[in-house]
C-alpha atoms as a PDB file:
ATOM      1  CA  MET A   1       9.579 -56.261 -53.695  1.00  0.00           C
ATOM      2  CA  THR A   2       7.334 -53.388 -53.068  1.00  0.00           C
ATOM      3  CA  ARG A   3       7.873 -50.058 -55.013  1.00  0.00           C
ATOM      4  CA  VAL A   4       6.129 -46.660 -52.980  1.00  0.00           C
ATOM      5  CA  THR A   5       6.434 -42.945 -54.068  1.00  0.00           C
ATOM      6  CA  ALA A   6       8.415 -40.770 -51.250  1.00  0.00           C
ATOM      7  CA  THR A   7       4.964 -39.459 -50.685  1.00  0.00           C
ATOM      8  CA  GLU A   8       3.324 -42.652 -50.452  1.00  0.00           C
ATOM      9  CA  PHE A   9       6.095 -43.885 -48.112  1.00  0.00           C
ATOM     10  CA  LYS A  10       5.714 -40.412 -45.598  1.00  0.00           C
ATOM     11  CA  ASN A  11       1.247 -41.087 -45.446  1.00  0.00           C
ATOM     12  CA  ASN A  12       1.898 -45.210 -44.066  1.00  0.00           C
ATOM     13  CA  ILE A  13       5.166 -45.310 -42.548  1.00  0.00           C
ATOM     14  CA  GLY A  14       4.462 -47.777 -40.332  1.00  0.00           C
ATOM     15  CA  ALA A  15       2.509 -49.821 -43.107  1.00  0.00           C
ATOM     16  CA  PHE A  16       5.641 -49.789 -45.046  1.00  0.00           C
ATOM     17  CA  SER A  17       8.440 -50.621 -42.463  1.00  0.00           C
ATOM     18  CA  ASP A  18       5.909 -53.106 -41.390  1.00  0.00           C
ATOM     19  CA  ALA A  19       6.380 -54.403 -44.812  1.00  0.00           C
ATOM     20  CA  ALA A  20      10.149 -54.179 -45.059  1.00  0.00           C
ATOM     21  CA  MET A  21      10.577 -57.105 -42.390  1.00  0.00           C
ATOM     22  CA  SER A  22       9.650 -59.368 -44.998  1.00  0.00           C
ATOM     23  CA  GLU A  23      10.795 -58.035 -48.464  1.00  0.00           C
ATOM     24  CA  PRO A  24      12.564 -54.424 -49.099  1.00  0.00           C
ATOM     25  CA  VAL A  25      10.521 -51.369 -50.173  1.00  0.00           C
ATOM     26  CA  ILE A  26      12.132 -49.058 -52.828  1.00  0.00           C
ATOM     27  CA  ILE A  27      11.168 -45.701 -52.240  1.00  0.00           C
ATOM     28  CA  THR A  28      11.255 -43.527 -55.519  1.00  0.00           C
ATOM     29  CA  SER A  29      11.129 -40.147 -56.420  1.00  0.00           C
ATOM     30  CA  HIS A  30      10.132 -38.508 -59.376  1.00  0.00           C
ATOM     31  CA  GLN A  31      10.423 -41.573 -60.222  1.00  0.00           C
ATOM     32  CA  ARG A  32      13.282 -42.705 -59.720  1.00  0.00           C
ATOM     33  CA  ASP A  33      14.994 -44.843 -57.173  1.00  0.00           C
ATOM     34  CA  ARG A  34      16.193 -43.470 -54.241  1.00  0.00           C
ATOM     35  CA  LEU A  35      16.578 -45.313 -51.172  1.00  0.00           C
ATOM     36  CA  VAL A  36      15.686 -48.889 -49.738  1.00  0.00           C
ATOM     37  CA  LEU A  37      13.806 -49.924 -46.525  1.00  0.00           C
ATOM     38  CA  LEU A  38      15.273 -53.288 -44.973  1.00  0.00           C
ATOM     39  CA  SER A  39      14.844 -54.747 -42.132  1.00  0.00           C
ATOM     40  CA  ALA A  40      18.387 -54.363 -39.327  1.00  0.00           C
ATOM     41  CA  ASP A  41      18.687 -58.672 -39.775  1.00  0.00           C
ATOM     42  CA  GLU A  42      19.167 -58.026 -43.004  1.00  0.00           C
ATOM     43  CA  TYR A  43      21.393 -55.094 -43.727  1.00  0.00           C
ATOM     44  CA  ARG A  44      23.561 -56.677 -41.266  1.00  0.00           C
ATOM     45  CA  ARG A  45      23.418 -59.837 -43.257  1.00  0.00           C
ATOM     46  CA  LEU A  46      24.076 -57.626 -46.287  1.00  0.00           C
ATOM     47  CA  VAL A  47      27.075 -56.550 -44.626  1.00  0.00           C
ATOM     48  CA  GLY A  48      28.492 -59.089 -43.023  1.00  0.00           C
ATOM     49  CA  ASP A  49      28.009 -58.127 -39.104  1.00  0.00           C
ATOM     50  CA  VAL A  50      25.458 -60.566 -38.072  1.00  0.00           C
ATOM     51  CA  SER A  51      24.716 -61.252 -34.984  1.00  0.00           C
ATOM     52  CA  PRO A  52      25.545 -64.346 -32.454  1.00  0.00           C
ATOM     53  CA  GLU A  53      21.755 -65.143 -32.397  1.00  0.00           C
ATOM     54  CA  PHE A  54      21.053 -64.848 -36.074  1.00  0.00           C
ATOM     55  CA  GLU A  55      24.736 -67.107 -36.642  1.00  0.00           C
ATOM     56  CA  ASP A  56      23.128 -69.823 -34.013  1.00  0.00           C
ATOM     57  CA  ARG A  57      19.991 -69.094 -36.252  1.00  0.00           C
ATOM     58  CA  LEU A  58      21.723 -69.923 -39.424  1.00  0.00           C
ATOM     59  CA  GLU A  59      23.795 -72.648 -38.155  1.00  0.00           C
ATOM     60  CA  ARG A  60      20.272 -74.182 -37.040  1.00  0.00           C
ATOM     61  CA  SER A  61      19.038 -74.482 -40.678  1.00  0.00           C
ATOM     62  CA  LEU A  62      21.975 -74.999 -41.936  1.00  0.00           C
ATOM     63  CA  ASN A  63      22.224 -78.234 -39.924  1.00  0.00           C
ATOM     64  CA  ARG A  64      18.736 -79.352 -40.482  1.00  0.00           C
ATOM     65  CA  HIS A  65      19.115 -79.040 -44.361  1.00  0.00           C
ATOM     66  CA  SER A  66      22.643 -80.130 -44.779  1.00  0.00           C
ATOM     67  CA  ASN A  67      21.180 -83.936 -45.972  1.00  0.00           C
ATOM     68  CA  THR A  68      18.942 -82.070 -48.949  1.00  0.00           C
ATOM     69  CA  LEU A  69      22.368 -79.737 -49.732  1.00  0.00           C
ATOM     70  CA  ALA A  70      24.927 -82.483 -49.679  1.00  0.00           C
ATOM     71  CA  GLU A  71      22.496 -84.453 -52.236  1.00  0.00           C
ATOM     72  CA  LEU A  72      21.712 -81.015 -54.249  1.00  0.00           C
ATOM     73  CA  ALA A  73      25.316 -81.139 -54.331  1.00  0.00           C
ATOM     74  CA  LYS A  74      26.203 -84.215 -56.494  1.00  0.00           C
ATOM     75  CA  ARG A  75      23.798 -83.585 -58.816  1.00  0.00           C
END
């Protein structure tokens, strides 16, 4: 997880916005965590408001790995 000061974030917003597409970016102020920047897809997943496209991708992924998941569950 990336951690940056508010000033660093302000000066490099594009780079940190891009980084937030793959992992949360913690923005600090006065050496304290203040904000977390994350992708819209990740936010929707966390609040349970996923798009139909995301649900389809998740279902395809689970179907692709169902045998592996079943084997792991037996252990």
